[in-house]
Amino acid sequence: MAPGVSNEKKTDDEQSSRENFIHLCNPHLEKMKEDILYHFALGTGTHDFPALFGDVKFVCVGGSPSRMRAFIAYIAEELGLGSPGCDYPNICAGTDRYAMYKVGPVLSVSHGMGIPSISIMLHELIKLLYHAKCSNITIVRIGTSGGIGLEPGSVVITRQSVDATFKPQFEQVILGKTVIRSTNLDEQLAKELMECSKEIGQFNTVIGNTMCTLDFYEGQGRLDGAICLYNEEEKLQYLKEAYDSGVRNIEMESSVFAAMCNLSGVKVEDPVLAGVCSGLTLAGHQVPTKAGLSLPLLSWAGERKYNKRLVGQDKDRERSLTNYRHGKNRLDLKKINLIFCQPNQSRVMRNKTKS
């Protein structure tokens, strides 16, 4: 009898070791009778989280609600779980803060623009996954970004998120004290995404550092904001220093995204629960460097509406973010780039498709 009990316990332990559950760094939640996810219009007292979200394995987040709705429609088609013209209801319809869509094992969530907005979303998303008892989750942030030293339409898979001084850290003031957290992302997952890109062979893809700024204008060296007290030469020198430090794109969410994923039980070498920021670079132009060479820099593009004409034009495009039916994890960078590209980039993307 004892050996039998021992074997059963060992089996349970082995099963537990294979499942990586979300970890919450907040002991106060255990004392709460109900956890209300205010900005999602969801709560543990009103919704059955395990029933609604317990099968989630992949979470894809991006800034725009319309893009994330387009993304879930594409994923539904890839997984064979939807039909043309099928409607995908917004799970967070009770609020106008964020939008959330689900099909099969994939959850698609908008996070708005900038660190404060994505931070609020992540707090509630992580709690949602915890209450749903989800395990072995992969979290991916997808979006447009400004590239440095890359051709237009390139994809950047983030190795590390760095701040505006090129340090791999997220700094936050909590109760009057400065707290610094790691911003490393999952190396193995980044390599897997790079392999997917090589298989597709349609877009220039690099692994590099992503600079996360606190601002769209001055923080990214733009010259067209309401306030700008530096000149173009100073701007170009700063971008050159960023490039030399390993930065390949700039956006406004990756640092807190990486930090919060790490604190939720994520080890940087752990390929099970991880965050990867994938950015589509936009709008190229040439600027001279100190060495007299021409360094292609990409201008920062604002958020535009999703161009629906680009999706579904080519039914033979390589499949898929994750082929749930066949048990394969693959990212169709070609179609995802078409979903996230700007309307004024559509000719560039179509030319790439034809070539």
Protein backbone atom coordinates (compact mmCIF):
# COMPACT_ATOMS: atom_id res chain seq x y z
CA MET A 1 0.00 0.00 0.00
CA ALA A 2 2.75 2.43 0.91
CA PRO A 3 4.54 2.03 -2.44
CA GLY A 4 1.24 2.60 -4.20
CA VAL A 5 0.60 5.82 -2.30
CA SER A 6 4.16 6.90 -2.93
CA ASN A 7 3.86 6.26 -6.66
CA GLU A 8 0.59 8.16 -6.85
CA LYS A 9 2.11 11.12 -5.05
CA LYS A 10 5.09 11.01 -7.38
CA THR A 11 2.77 11.03 -10.36
CA ASP A 12 0.95 14.07 -8.98
CA ASP A 13 4.25 15.83 -8.38
CA GLU A 14 5.40 15.02 -11.91
CA GLN A 15 2.12 16.31 -13.31
CA SER A 16 2.48 19.51 -11.29
CA SER A 17 6.05 19.98 -12.50
CA ARG A 18 4.87 19.83 -16.09
CA GLU A 19 2.28 22.56 -15.54
CA ASN A 20 3.42 26.11 -15.00
CA PHE A 21 0.63 28.07 -13.34
CA ILE A 22 0.36 31.84 -13.02
CA HIS A 23 1.90 33.21 -9.83
CA LEU A 24 0.43 36.27 -8.11
CA CYS A 25 2.76 38.43 -6.03
CA ASN A 26 -0.02 39.77 -3.82
CA PRO A 27 -0.98 38.02 -0.54
CA HIS A 28 -3.86 40.48 0.01
CA LEU A 29 -5.92 38.87 -2.75
CA GLU A 30 -6.42 35.74 -0.65
CA LYS A 31 -8.40 37.79 1.89
CA MET A 32 -10.82 39.15 -0.68
CA LYS A 33 -14.22 37.49 -1.06
CA GLU A 34 -14.47 38.71 -4.65
CA ASP A 35 -11.88 39.98 -7.10
CA ILE A 36 -13.36 42.57 -9.45
CA LEU A 37 -11.44 43.17 -12.68
CA TYR A 38 -12.87 46.65 -12.99
CA HIS A 39 -11.42 47.66 -16.36
CA PHE A 40 -12.51 44.35 -17.93
CA ALA A 41 -16.01 44.52 -16.43
CA LEU A 42 -15.45 40.98 -15.08
CA GLY A 43 -15.41 39.56 -11.56
CA THR A 44 -14.99 36.26 -9.74
CA GLY A 45 -18.38 36.72 -8.12
CA THR A 46 -20.21 37.20 -11.40
CA HIS A 47 -18.24 35.10 -13.89
CA ASP A 48 -16.99 31.51 -13.96
CA PHE A 49 -13.37 32.14 -14.94
CA PRO A 50 -12.28 28.48 -15.30
CA ALA A 51 -15.26 27.78 -17.56
CA LEU A 52 -14.73 30.90 -19.65
CA PHE A 53 -10.93 30.97 -19.87
CA GLY A 54 -9.57 27.70 -18.48
CA ASP A 55 -8.52 26.37 -21.90
CA VAL A 56 -6.45 29.44 -22.83
CA LYS A 57 -2.85 28.67 -23.81
CA PHE A 58 -1.92 31.69 -25.93
CA VAL A 59 -2.55 35.34 -25.12
CA CYS A 60 -1.87 37.93 -27.81
CA VAL A 61 -2.04 41.59 -26.84
CA GLY A 62 -1.83 44.75 -28.93
CA GLY A 63 -2.73 48.40 -28.72
CA SER A 64 -5.80 48.79 -30.91
CA PRO A 65 -9.18 47.10 -30.25
CA SER A 66 -9.91 46.90 -33.99
CA ARG A 67 -6.59 45.21 -34.67
CA MET A 68 -7.13 42.65 -31.94
CA ARG A 69 -10.59 41.89 -33.30
CA ALA A 70 -9.10 41.43 -36.78
CA PHE A 71 -6.40 39.24 -35.26
CA ILE A 72 -8.89 36.90 -33.56
CA ALA A 73 -10.87 36.59 -36.80
CA TYR A 74 -7.69 35.51 -38.56
CA ILE A 75 -6.79 33.05 -35.80
CA ALA A 76 -10.29 31.55 -35.88
CA GLU A 77 -9.88 30.87 -39.58
CA GLU A 78 -6.44 29.34 -39.06
CA LEU A 79 -7.69 27.04 -36.30
CA GLY A 80 -10.78 26.04 -38.23
CA LEU A 81 -12.98 27.39 -35.44
CA GLY A 82 -14.77 30.14 -37.32
CA SER A 83 -16.54 30.85 -40.57
CA PRO A 84 -16.36 33.84 -42.96
CA GLY A 85 -18.33 36.75 -41.58
CA CYS A 86 -18.58 35.19 -38.14
CA ASP A 87 -19.01 37.69 -35.33
CA TYR A 88 -16.66 37.58 -32.34
CA PRO A 89 -18.21 39.32 -29.32
CA ASN A 90 -16.15 41.62 -27.14
CA ILE A 91 -15.92 39.92 -23.74
CA CYS A 92 -15.25 43.33 -22.16
CA ALA A 93 -18.28 44.98 -23.77
CA GLY A 94 -19.31 46.28 -20.35
CA THR A 95 -16.46 48.79 -20.44
CA ASP A 96 -14.85 50.98 -23.08
CA ARG A 97 -11.35 50.70 -21.61
CA TYR A 98 -10.18 47.48 -23.29
CA ALA A 99 -11.45 44.92 -25.76
CA MET A 100 -11.08 41.15 -25.39
CA TYR A 101 -11.83 38.35 -27.84
CA LYS A 102 -11.44 34.59 -27.56
CA VAL A 103 -11.47 31.65 -29.92
CA GLY A 104 -10.33 28.18 -28.84
CA PRO A 105 -7.09 28.43 -26.86
CA VAL A 106 -6.30 31.99 -27.98
CA LEU A 107 -7.18 35.17 -26.11
CA SER A 108 -6.75 38.49 -27.94
CA VAL A 109 -6.71 41.65 -25.79
CA SER A 110 -6.14 45.34 -26.54
CA HIS A 111 -3.98 47.34 -24.14
CA GLY A 112 -4.15 50.91 -25.35
CA MET A 113 -1.10 53.12 -25.69
CA GLY A 114 1.82 53.53 -23.29
CA ILE A 115 3.08 52.01 -20.04
CA PRO A 116 0.22 53.13 -17.75
CA SER A 117 -2.46 51.70 -20.02
CA ILE A 118 -0.82 48.30 -20.63
CA SER A 119 0.14 48.07 -16.95
CA ILE A 120 -3.50 48.31 -15.84
CA MET A 121 -4.51 45.74 -18.44
CA LEU A 122 -1.74 43.32 -17.41
CA HIS A 123 -2.68 43.46 -13.72
CA GLU A 124 -6.19 42.33 -14.57
CA LEU A 125 -5.15 39.90 -17.33
CA ILE A 126 -2.70 38.10 -15.02
CA LYS A 127 -5.37 37.82 -12.32
CA LEU A 128 -7.85 36.54 -14.91
CA LEU A 129 -5.46 33.77 -15.97
CA TYR A 130 -4.78 32.94 -12.33
CA HIS A 131 -8.46 32.68 -11.38
CA ALA A 132 -9.10 30.62 -14.53
CA LYS A 133 -6.39 28.17 -13.37
CA CYS A 134 -4.60 28.46 -16.70
CA SER A 135 -1.23 26.77 -17.09
CA ASN A 136 1.62 26.75 -19.60
CA ILE A 137 0.66 30.14 -21.02
CA THR A 138 2.54 31.93 -23.80
CA ILE A 139 1.99 35.69 -23.91
CA VAL A 140 2.91 37.64 -27.03
CA ARG A 141 2.69 41.38 -27.60
CA ILE A 142 2.25 42.33 -31.24
CA GLY A 143 2.22 45.79 -32.70
CA THR A 144 3.76 48.48 -34.85
CA SER A 145 6.92 50.26 -33.80
CA GLY A 146 9.53 52.68 -35.04
CA GLY A 147 12.59 50.86 -36.38
CA ILE A 148 16.22 51.96 -36.33
CA GLY A 149 18.59 50.84 -39.07
CA LEU A 150 16.05 48.51 -40.68
CA GLU A 151 14.18 48.44 -43.96
CA PRO A 152 10.46 49.31 -43.86
CA GLY A 153 8.24 46.35 -43.04
CA SER A 154 10.89 44.55 -40.98
CA VAL A 155 9.89 42.48 -37.95
CA VAL A 156 11.77 42.94 -34.68
CA ILE A 157 11.64 40.15 -32.12
CA THR A 158 12.70 41.61 -28.79
CA ARG A 159 15.70 40.20 -26.94
CA GLN A 160 15.54 42.76 -24.13
CA SER A 161 13.45 45.81 -23.46
CA VAL A 162 15.65 48.77 -22.55
CA ASP A 163 14.81 52.21 -21.20
CA ALA A 164 15.65 55.54 -22.84
CA THR A 165 19.21 55.30 -21.47
CA PHE A 166 19.59 51.83 -23.04
CA LYS A 167 19.49 49.97 -19.71
CA PRO A 168 17.53 46.65 -19.57
CA GLN A 169 15.29 47.68 -16.71
CA PHE A 170 11.87 49.00 -15.79
CA GLU A 171 11.90 51.73 -13.14
CA GLN A 172 8.81 52.55 -11.12
CA VAL A 173 8.18 54.63 -7.99
CA ILE A 174 6.14 52.66 -5.43
CA LEU A 175 5.23 54.24 -2.07
CA GLY A 176 7.84 56.93 -2.69
CA LYS A 177 10.64 54.45 -3.36
CA THR A 178 12.23 53.68 -6.72
CA VAL A 179 11.88 50.01 -7.68
CA ILE A 180 13.87 48.54 -10.58
CA ARG A 181 12.73 45.33 -12.27
CA SER A 182 14.21 43.09 -14.96
CA THR A 183 13.00 43.36 -18.54
CA ASN A 184 14.50 40.22 -20.05
CA LEU A 185 12.26 38.18 -22.35
CA ASP A 186 12.17 34.50 -23.18
CA GLU A 187 15.20 33.61 -25.30
CA GLN A 188 13.92 30.23 -26.48
CA LEU A 189 10.58 31.62 -27.62
CA ALA A 190 12.39 34.38 -29.51
CA LYS A 191 14.45 31.74 -31.33
CA GLU A 192 11.32 29.79 -32.22
CA LEU A 193 9.72 32.90 -33.69
CA MET A 194 12.87 33.58 -35.69
CA GLU A 195 12.74 30.05 -37.08
CA CYS A 196 9.14 30.65 -38.14
CA SER A 197 10.23 33.76 -40.00
CA LYS A 198 12.98 31.84 -41.79
CA GLU A 199 10.49 29.21 -42.90
CA ILE A 200 8.15 31.86 -44.31
CA GLY A 201 10.95 33.91 -45.88
CA GLN A 202 8.75 36.90 -46.74
CA PHE A 203 9.94 39.56 -44.30
CA ASN A 204 13.24 40.77 -42.95
CA THR A 205 13.24 39.65 -39.30
CA VAL A 206 15.83 40.40 -36.62
CA ILE A 207 16.26 39.74 -32.92
CA GLY A 208 17.31 42.92 -31.15
CA ASN A 209 16.67 45.21 -28.22
CA THR A 210 13.51 47.29 -28.05
CA MET A 211 13.67 50.74 -26.48
CA CYS A 212 10.60 51.56 -24.40
CA THR A 213 9.95 55.28 -23.91
CA LEU A 214 7.54 57.20 -21.71
CA ASP A 215 6.42 59.49 -24.50
CA PHE A 216 5.63 59.44 -28.23
CA TYR A 217 7.18 62.80 -29.08
CA GLU A 218 10.18 64.09 -27.11
CA GLY A 219 10.94 60.68 -25.63
CA GLN A 220 11.43 59.27 -29.14
CA GLY A 221 13.29 62.28 -30.52
CA ARG A 222 10.48 63.53 -32.74
CA LEU A 223 10.68 67.03 -34.15
CA ASP A 224 6.95 67.61 -34.67
CA GLY A 225 5.58 67.78 -31.10
CA ALA A 226 4.20 70.87 -29.38
CA ILE A 227 7.47 71.11 -27.43
CA CYS A 228 10.92 70.36 -28.87
CA LEU A 229 14.03 71.98 -27.34
CA TYR A 230 16.66 69.98 -29.25
CA ASN A 231 17.80 70.12 -32.87
CA GLU A 232 17.87 67.49 -35.61
CA GLU A 233 21.59 66.82 -35.21
CA GLU A 234 21.10 66.01 -31.52
CA LYS A 235 18.21 63.73 -32.41
CA LEU A 236 20.22 61.81 -35.01
CA GLN A 237 23.17 61.46 -32.64
CA TYR A 238 20.87 59.95 -30.01
CA LEU A 239 19.36 57.48 -32.49
CA LYS A 240 22.86 56.51 -33.62
CA GLU A 241 23.81 55.79 -29.99
CA ALA A 242 20.65 53.73 -29.59
CA TYR A 243 21.51 51.70 -32.69
CA ASP A 244 25.10 51.14 -31.53
CA SER A 245 23.76 49.85 -28.17
CA GLY A 246 21.73 47.16 -29.94
CA VAL A 247 18.34 48.91 -30.14
CA ARG A 248 16.44 48.06 -33.32
CA ASN A 249 13.01 49.52 -32.60
CA ILE A 250 11.19 51.94 -30.30
CA GLU A 251 7.75 51.72 -28.69
CA MET A 252 6.05 52.51 -25.37
CA GLU A 253 4.95 49.26 -23.67
CA SER A 254 7.61 46.54 -23.71
CA SER A 255 9.41 47.31 -20.42
CA VAL A 256 6.46 46.95 -18.06
CA PHE A 257 5.20 44.04 -20.17
CA ALA A 258 8.45 42.15 -19.61
CA ALA A 259 8.73 43.13 -15.94
CA MET A 260 5.21 42.03 -15.04
CA CYS A 261 5.51 38.73 -16.93
CA ASN A 262 8.74 38.01 -15.04
CA LEU A 263 7.13 38.75 -11.67
CA SER A 264 4.23 36.41 -12.44
CA GLY A 265 6.40 33.34 -12.05
CA VAL A 266 8.31 33.73 -15.29
CA LYS A 267 11.95 32.80 -15.51
CA VAL A 268 13.84 34.36 -18.37
CA GLU A 269 15.08 30.97 -19.52
CA ASP A 270 11.68 29.34 -19.01
CA PRO A 271 10.00 28.80 -22.41
CA VAL A 272 6.59 28.02 -20.96
CA LEU A 273 5.27 31.39 -19.80
CA ALA A 274 6.99 34.20 -21.61
CA GLY A 275 6.58 37.57 -23.21
CA VAL A 276 7.88 38.43 -26.66
CA CYS A 277 7.35 41.79 -28.30
CA SER A 278 7.09 41.57 -32.07
CA GLY A 279 7.11 44.91 -33.85
CA LEU A 280 6.43 45.88 -37.46
CA THR A 281 8.72 48.76 -38.43
CA LEU A 282 7.36 51.54 -40.57
CA ALA A 283 8.05 54.43 -42.96
CA GLY A 284 11.73 54.53 -43.90
CA HIS A 285 13.94 57.48 -44.79
CA GLN A 286 17.68 58.08 -45.01
CA VAL A 287 19.79 60.24 -42.68
CA PRO A 288 23.57 60.77 -42.65
CA THR A 289 25.65 59.37 -39.80
CA LYS A 290 28.89 60.78 -38.36
CA ALA A 291 30.90 58.39 -40.48
CA GLY A 292 29.34 59.85 -43.60
CA LEU A 293 27.41 56.67 -44.31
CA SER A 294 23.71 56.45 -44.92
CA LEU A 295 21.85 54.90 -42.00
CA PRO A 296 18.21 54.05 -42.74
CA LEU A 297 15.98 55.25 -39.93
CA LEU A 298 12.27 54.69 -39.76
CA SER A 299 9.86 57.40 -38.75
CA TRP A 300 7.39 56.80 -35.98
CA ALA A 301 3.90 56.16 -37.32
CA GLY A 302 0.69 56.87 -35.43
CA GLU A 303 -2.00 54.30 -34.94
CA ARG A 304 -4.27 53.94 -37.98
CA LYS A 305 -7.32 51.87 -38.74
CA TYR A 306 -6.82 48.30 -39.87
CA ASN A 307 -7.00 47.91 -43.64
CA LYS A 308 -9.47 45.09 -44.10
CA ARG A 309 -8.69 44.72 -47.79
CA LEU A 310 -5.32 43.18 -47.00
CA VAL A 311 -6.67 40.14 -45.15
CA GLY A 312 -7.98 37.18 -47.10
CA GLN A 313 -6.51 38.23 -50.47
CA ASP A 314 -4.20 35.24 -50.66
CA LYS A 315 -5.71 31.99 -49.36
CA ASP A 316 -2.41 30.18 -49.94
CA ARG A 317 -0.46 32.20 -47.38
CA GLU A 318 1.60 30.14 -44.97
CA ARG A 319 -0.31 29.02 -41.85
CA SER A 320 -0.43 29.85 -38.74
CA LEU A 321 0.20 31.47 -35.33
CA THR A 322 -0.47 28.19 -33.71
CA ASN A 323 -1.90 25.29 -35.66
CA TYR A 324 -4.13 24.02 -32.90
CA ARG A 325 -5.57 21.25 -35.03
CA HIS A 326 -2.16 19.73 -35.76
CA GLY A 327 -0.46 20.54 -32.47
CA LYS A 328 2.19 22.80 -33.97
CA ASN A 329 3.30 26.21 -32.72
CA ARG A 330 3.93 28.42 -35.73
CA LEU A 331 3.67 32.13 -36.37
CA ASP A 332 2.47 33.33 -39.78
CA LEU A 333 4.43 36.58 -39.74
CA LYS A 334 3.30 37.41 -43.24
CA LYS A 335 -0.40 37.59 -42.43
CA ILE A 336 0.13 39.13 -39.01
CA ASN A 337 2.18 41.92 -40.56
CA LEU A 338 -0.64 42.57 -43.01
CA ILE A 339 -3.03 42.83 -40.09
CA PHE A 340 -0.85 45.27 -38.18
CA CYS A 341 0.54 47.39 -41.02
CA GLN A 342 -0.62 50.95 -41.60
CA PRO A 343 -2.82 51.85 -44.59
CA ASN A 344 -0.07 54.02 -46.08
CA GLN A 345 2.23 51.01 -45.97
CA SER A 346 -0.12 48.73 -47.89
CA ARG A 347 1.67 49.21 -51.20
CA VAL A 348 5.00 48.35 -49.61
CA MET A 349 3.54 45.19 -48.09
CA ARG A 350 1.78 44.17 -51.29
CA ASN A 351 4.98 44.64 -53.25
CA LYS A 352 6.77 42.41 -50.78
CA THR A 353 4.02 39.82 -51.19
CA LYS A 354 4.39 39.81 -54.96
CA SER A 355 8.19 39.67 -54.99
